[in-house]
Amino acid sequence: MQSAYTVLILLTLVSLSKLLGRMIPLPVPLPLVQIAAGALLAWPTLGLHVALDPELFLFLFLPPLLFVDAYTPFGVTKWTPFNPYKSIG
């Protein structure tokens, strides 16, 4: 049951950091907002302690990352302003 609470806390933190990242008037990258939110969650005076088991990490977080990497070709992203292969010719 502790693993379910950990997953719910982390999912809530990620969704709140996404909302916070959109509300910040400065163009701050989302990973920096998520790192700051994780640091606040891990702050010792708040009393929250998220213990992440290695099995839980391997079961819940690693497969989606590998799935996305498998379907993204190497060196190709959606946000490139031009096709680098066209500029070679």
N, C-alpha and C. Protein backbone atom coordinates (compact mmCIF):
# COMPACT_ATOMS: atom_id res chain seq x y z
N MET A 1 0.82 -1.19 0.00
CA MET A 1 0.00 0.00 0.00
C MET A 1 0.86 1.25 0.00
N GLN A 2 2.04 1.14 0.60
CA GLN A 2 2.96 2.28 0.62
C GLN A 2 3.40 2.64 -0.79
N SER A 3 3.55 1.65 -1.66
CA SER A 3 3.93 1.92 -3.04
C SER A 3 2.84 2.68 -3.78
N ALA A 4 1.59 2.35 -3.50
CA ALA A 4 0.48 3.07 -4.14
C ALA A 4 0.46 4.53 -3.70
N TYR A 5 0.70 4.78 -2.41
CA TYR A 5 0.77 6.17 -1.93
C TYR A 5 1.93 6.91 -2.57
N THR A 6 3.05 6.24 -2.72
CA THR A 6 4.21 6.87 -3.35
C THR A 6 3.90 7.26 -4.79
N VAL A 7 3.28 6.37 -5.53
CA VAL A 7 2.93 6.65 -6.92
C VAL A 7 1.92 7.79 -7.00
N LEU A 8 0.93 7.80 -6.12
CA LEU A 8 -0.05 8.88 -6.13
C LEU A 8 0.57 10.23 -5.78
N ILE A 9 1.48 10.24 -4.83
CA ILE A 9 2.17 11.48 -4.47
C ILE A 9 2.99 11.99 -5.64
N LEU A 10 3.71 11.10 -6.30
CA LEU A 10 4.56 11.52 -7.42
C LEU A 10 3.72 11.98 -8.62
N LEU A 11 2.62 11.29 -8.90
CA LEU A 11 1.76 11.72 -10.00
C LEU A 11 1.11 13.08 -9.71
N THR A 12 0.71 13.29 -8.47
CA THR A 12 0.15 14.58 -8.09
C THR A 12 1.20 15.67 -8.20
N LEU A 13 2.42 15.38 -7.78
CA LEU A 13 3.49 16.36 -7.88
C LEU A 13 3.81 16.72 -9.32
N VAL A 14 3.81 15.74 -10.20
CA VAL A 14 4.09 15.99 -11.61
C VAL A 14 2.98 16.83 -12.24
N SER A 15 1.74 16.52 -11.94
CA SER A 15 0.64 17.29 -12.52
C SER A 15 0.60 18.71 -11.96
N LEU A 16 0.89 18.88 -10.68
CA LEU A 16 0.93 20.23 -10.11
C LEU A 16 2.11 21.04 -10.66
N SER A 17 3.23 20.37 -10.90
CA SER A 17 4.37 21.09 -11.46
C SER A 17 4.11 21.49 -12.91
N LYS A 18 3.35 20.70 -13.63
CA LYS A 18 2.97 21.07 -15.00
C LYS A 18 2.08 22.31 -14.99
N LEU A 19 1.12 22.36 -14.07
CA LEU A 19 0.27 23.54 -13.96
C LEU A 19 1.07 24.76 -13.51
N LEU A 20 1.96 24.56 -12.56
CA LEU A 20 2.78 25.66 -12.08
C LEU A 20 3.71 26.17 -13.18
N GLY A 21 4.24 25.27 -13.99
CA GLY A 21 5.10 25.66 -15.10
C GLY A 21 4.37 26.50 -16.13
N ARG A 22 3.09 26.26 -16.31
CA ARG A 22 2.31 27.07 -17.26
C ARG A 22 1.92 28.42 -16.68
N MET A 23 1.79 28.51 -15.35
CA MET A 23 1.37 29.75 -14.73
C MET A 23 2.52 30.72 -14.47
N ILE A 24 3.75 30.23 -14.47
CA ILE A 24 4.90 31.10 -14.24
C ILE A 24 5.06 32.02 -15.45
N PRO A 25 5.15 33.34 -15.22
CA PRO A 25 5.25 34.26 -16.37
C PRO A 25 6.60 34.17 -17.08
N LEU A 26 7.63 33.68 -16.42
CA LEU A 26 8.93 33.55 -17.06
C LEU A 26 9.01 32.24 -17.83
N PRO A 27 9.77 32.20 -18.92
CA PRO A 27 9.90 30.93 -19.67
C PRO A 27 10.87 29.97 -18.99
N VAL A 28 10.40 29.30 -17.96
CA VAL A 28 11.21 28.33 -17.23
C VAL A 28 10.93 26.95 -17.78
N PRO A 29 11.97 26.17 -18.12
CA PRO A 29 11.73 24.82 -18.63
C PRO A 29 11.04 23.94 -17.59
N LEU A 30 10.18 23.07 -18.07
CA LEU A 30 9.40 22.20 -17.20
C LEU A 30 10.28 21.29 -16.33
N PRO A 31 11.39 20.73 -16.83
CA PRO A 31 12.21 19.90 -15.95
C PRO A 31 12.77 20.66 -14.74
N LEU A 32 13.07 21.95 -14.91
CA LEU A 32 13.55 22.73 -13.77
C LEU A 32 12.45 22.94 -12.74
N VAL A 33 11.23 23.13 -13.20
CA VAL A 33 10.10 23.27 -12.28
C VAL A 33 9.88 21.95 -11.53
N GLN A 34 10.01 20.83 -12.23
CA GLN A 34 9.81 19.54 -11.60
C GLN A 34 10.94 19.22 -10.62
N ILE A 35 12.16 19.63 -10.92
CA ILE A 35 13.26 19.43 -9.99
C ILE A 35 13.04 20.25 -8.72
N ALA A 36 12.58 21.50 -8.91
CA ALA A 36 12.31 22.35 -7.74
C ALA A 36 11.17 21.77 -6.90
N ALA A 37 10.13 21.24 -7.54
CA ALA A 37 9.03 20.63 -6.81
C ALA A 37 9.48 19.38 -6.06
N GLY A 38 10.34 18.59 -6.68
CA GLY A 38 10.88 17.41 -6.01
C GLY A 38 11.77 17.78 -4.84
N ALA A 39 12.53 18.86 -4.99
CA ALA A 39 13.37 19.32 -3.88
C ALA A 39 12.51 19.80 -2.72
N LEU A 40 11.40 20.48 -3.03
CA LEU A 40 10.49 20.91 -1.97
C LEU A 40 9.84 19.71 -1.28
N LEU A 41 9.53 18.69 -2.05
CA LEU A 41 8.93 17.48 -1.47
C LEU A 41 9.92 16.77 -0.55
N ALA A 42 11.19 16.81 -0.91
CA ALA A 42 12.20 16.12 -0.13
C ALA A 42 12.76 16.98 1.00
N TRP A 43 12.28 18.21 1.15
CA TRP A 43 12.77 19.08 2.21
C TRP A 43 12.48 18.43 3.56
N PRO A 44 13.48 18.35 4.43
CA PRO A 44 13.30 17.58 5.68
C PRO A 44 12.28 18.17 6.65
N THR A 45 12.03 19.47 6.63
CA THR A 45 11.13 20.05 7.61
C THR A 45 9.66 19.84 7.27
N LEU A 46 9.35 19.45 6.06
CA LEU A 46 7.95 19.23 5.69
C LEU A 46 7.40 17.91 6.22
N GLY A 47 8.26 16.99 6.54
CA GLY A 47 7.82 15.73 7.11
C GLY A 47 7.45 14.69 6.08
N LEU A 48 7.51 15.00 4.80
CA LEU A 48 7.21 14.01 3.76
C LEU A 48 8.49 13.28 3.38
N HIS A 49 8.42 11.99 3.37
CA HIS A 49 9.56 11.19 2.94
C HIS A 49 9.06 10.19 1.91
N VAL A 50 9.57 10.32 0.71
CA VAL A 50 9.18 9.42 -0.37
C VAL A 50 10.29 8.40 -0.54
N ALA A 51 10.02 7.19 -0.13
CA ALA A 51 10.98 6.10 -0.29
C ALA A 51 10.66 5.37 -1.59
N LEU A 52 11.58 5.41 -2.51
CA LEU A 52 11.35 4.80 -3.82
C LEU A 52 12.16 3.51 -3.90
N ASP A 53 11.46 2.40 -3.94
CA ASP A 53 12.12 1.11 -4.06
C ASP A 53 12.65 0.92 -5.48
N PRO A 54 13.78 0.26 -5.64
CA PRO A 54 14.30 0.03 -6.99
C PRO A 54 13.34 -0.79 -7.85
N GLU A 55 12.62 -1.75 -7.24
CA GLU A 55 11.67 -2.54 -8.01
C GLU A 55 10.53 -1.68 -8.53
N LEU A 56 10.09 -0.72 -7.72
CA LEU A 56 9.02 0.17 -8.15
C LEU A 56 9.48 1.06 -9.29
N PHE A 57 10.71 1.54 -9.22
CA PHE A 57 11.26 2.35 -10.30
C PHE A 57 11.35 1.55 -11.59
N LEU A 58 11.87 0.34 -11.49
CA LEU A 58 12.02 -0.49 -12.68
C LEU A 58 10.67 -0.90 -13.27
N PHE A 59 9.67 -1.04 -12.43
CA PHE A 59 8.36 -1.49 -12.89
C PHE A 59 7.50 -0.36 -13.45
N LEU A 60 7.57 0.84 -12.84
CA LEU A 60 6.65 1.91 -13.22
C LEU A 60 7.25 3.00 -14.09
N PHE A 61 8.49 3.37 -13.86
CA PHE A 61 9.04 4.54 -14.53
C PHE A 61 9.94 4.22 -15.70
N LEU A 62 10.65 3.13 -15.65
CA LEU A 62 11.57 2.79 -16.72
C LEU A 62 10.88 2.33 -18.00
N PRO A 63 9.85 1.49 -17.98
CA PRO A 63 9.22 1.06 -19.24
C PRO A 63 8.65 2.19 -20.10
N PRO A 64 7.97 3.20 -19.54
CA PRO A 64 7.52 4.29 -20.43
C PRO A 64 8.67 5.05 -21.08
N LEU A 65 9.77 5.21 -20.35
CA LEU A 65 10.92 5.89 -20.94
C LEU A 65 11.52 5.08 -22.08
N LEU A 66 11.62 3.78 -21.89
CA LEU A 66 12.15 2.93 -22.95
C LEU A 66 11.19 2.86 -24.14
N PHE A 67 9.90 2.89 -23.87
CA PHE A 67 8.92 2.85 -24.95
C PHE A 67 9.02 4.09 -25.82
N VAL A 68 9.15 5.25 -25.21
CA VAL A 68 9.26 6.50 -25.97
C VAL A 68 10.57 6.52 -26.75
N ASP A 69 11.66 6.05 -26.15
CA ASP A 69 12.94 6.03 -26.85
C ASP A 69 12.94 5.05 -28.01
N ALA A 70 12.17 3.99 -27.92
CA ALA A 70 12.14 3.01 -28.99
C ALA A 70 11.45 3.56 -30.24
N TYR A 71 10.48 4.44 -30.06
CA TYR A 71 9.75 4.97 -31.21
C TYR A 71 10.25 6.34 -31.67
N THR A 72 11.27 6.87 -31.03
CA THR A 72 11.86 8.12 -31.47
C THR A 72 13.17 7.80 -32.18
N PRO A 73 13.29 8.11 -33.47
CA PRO A 73 14.54 7.82 -34.17
C PRO A 73 15.69 8.61 -33.57
N PHE A 74 16.88 8.06 -33.69
CA PHE A 74 18.06 8.68 -33.12
C PHE A 74 18.34 10.02 -33.80
N GLY A 75 18.46 11.05 -33.01
CA GLY A 75 18.83 12.36 -33.54
C GLY A 75 17.70 13.13 -34.18
N VAL A 76 16.50 12.60 -34.17
CA VAL A 76 15.38 13.29 -34.81
C VAL A 76 14.40 13.69 -33.72
N THR A 77 14.08 14.97 -33.67
CA THR A 77 13.08 15.45 -32.73
C THR A 77 12.01 16.20 -33.50
N LYS A 78 10.89 16.43 -32.84
CA LYS A 78 9.79 17.14 -33.50
C LYS A 78 10.05 18.63 -33.57
N TRP A 79 10.93 19.16 -32.76
CA TRP A 79 11.05 20.60 -32.62
C TRP A 79 12.22 21.18 -33.41
N THR A 80 12.79 20.44 -34.37
CA THR A 80 13.88 21.01 -35.16
C THR A 80 13.31 22.02 -36.14
N PRO A 81 13.93 23.20 -36.24
CA PRO A 81 13.40 24.24 -37.12
C PRO A 81 13.60 23.94 -38.61
N PHE A 82 14.56 23.11 -38.94
CA PHE A 82 14.79 22.75 -40.33
C PHE A 82 15.31 21.33 -40.40
N ASN A 83 15.26 20.77 -41.56
CA ASN A 83 15.76 19.41 -41.74
C ASN A 83 17.26 19.48 -42.01
N PRO A 84 18.12 18.94 -41.14
CA PRO A 84 19.57 19.08 -41.36
C PRO A 84 20.07 18.33 -42.60
N TYR A 85 19.32 17.33 -43.04
CA TYR A 85 19.75 16.58 -44.22
C TYR A 85 19.55 17.40 -45.49
N LYS A 86 18.58 18.29 -45.51
CA LYS A 86 18.38 19.14 -46.68
C LYS A 86 19.46 20.21 -46.77
N SER A 87 20.00 20.63 -45.64
CA SER A 87 21.02 21.68 -45.68
C SER A 87 22.38 21.12 -46.10
N ILE A 88 22.57 19.81 -46.06
CA ILE A 88 23.84 19.23 -46.47
C ILE A 88 24.00 19.32 -47.99
N GLY A 89 22.92 19.07 -48.69
CA GLY A 89 22.96 19.05 -50.16
C GLY A 89 22.96 20.41 -50.69
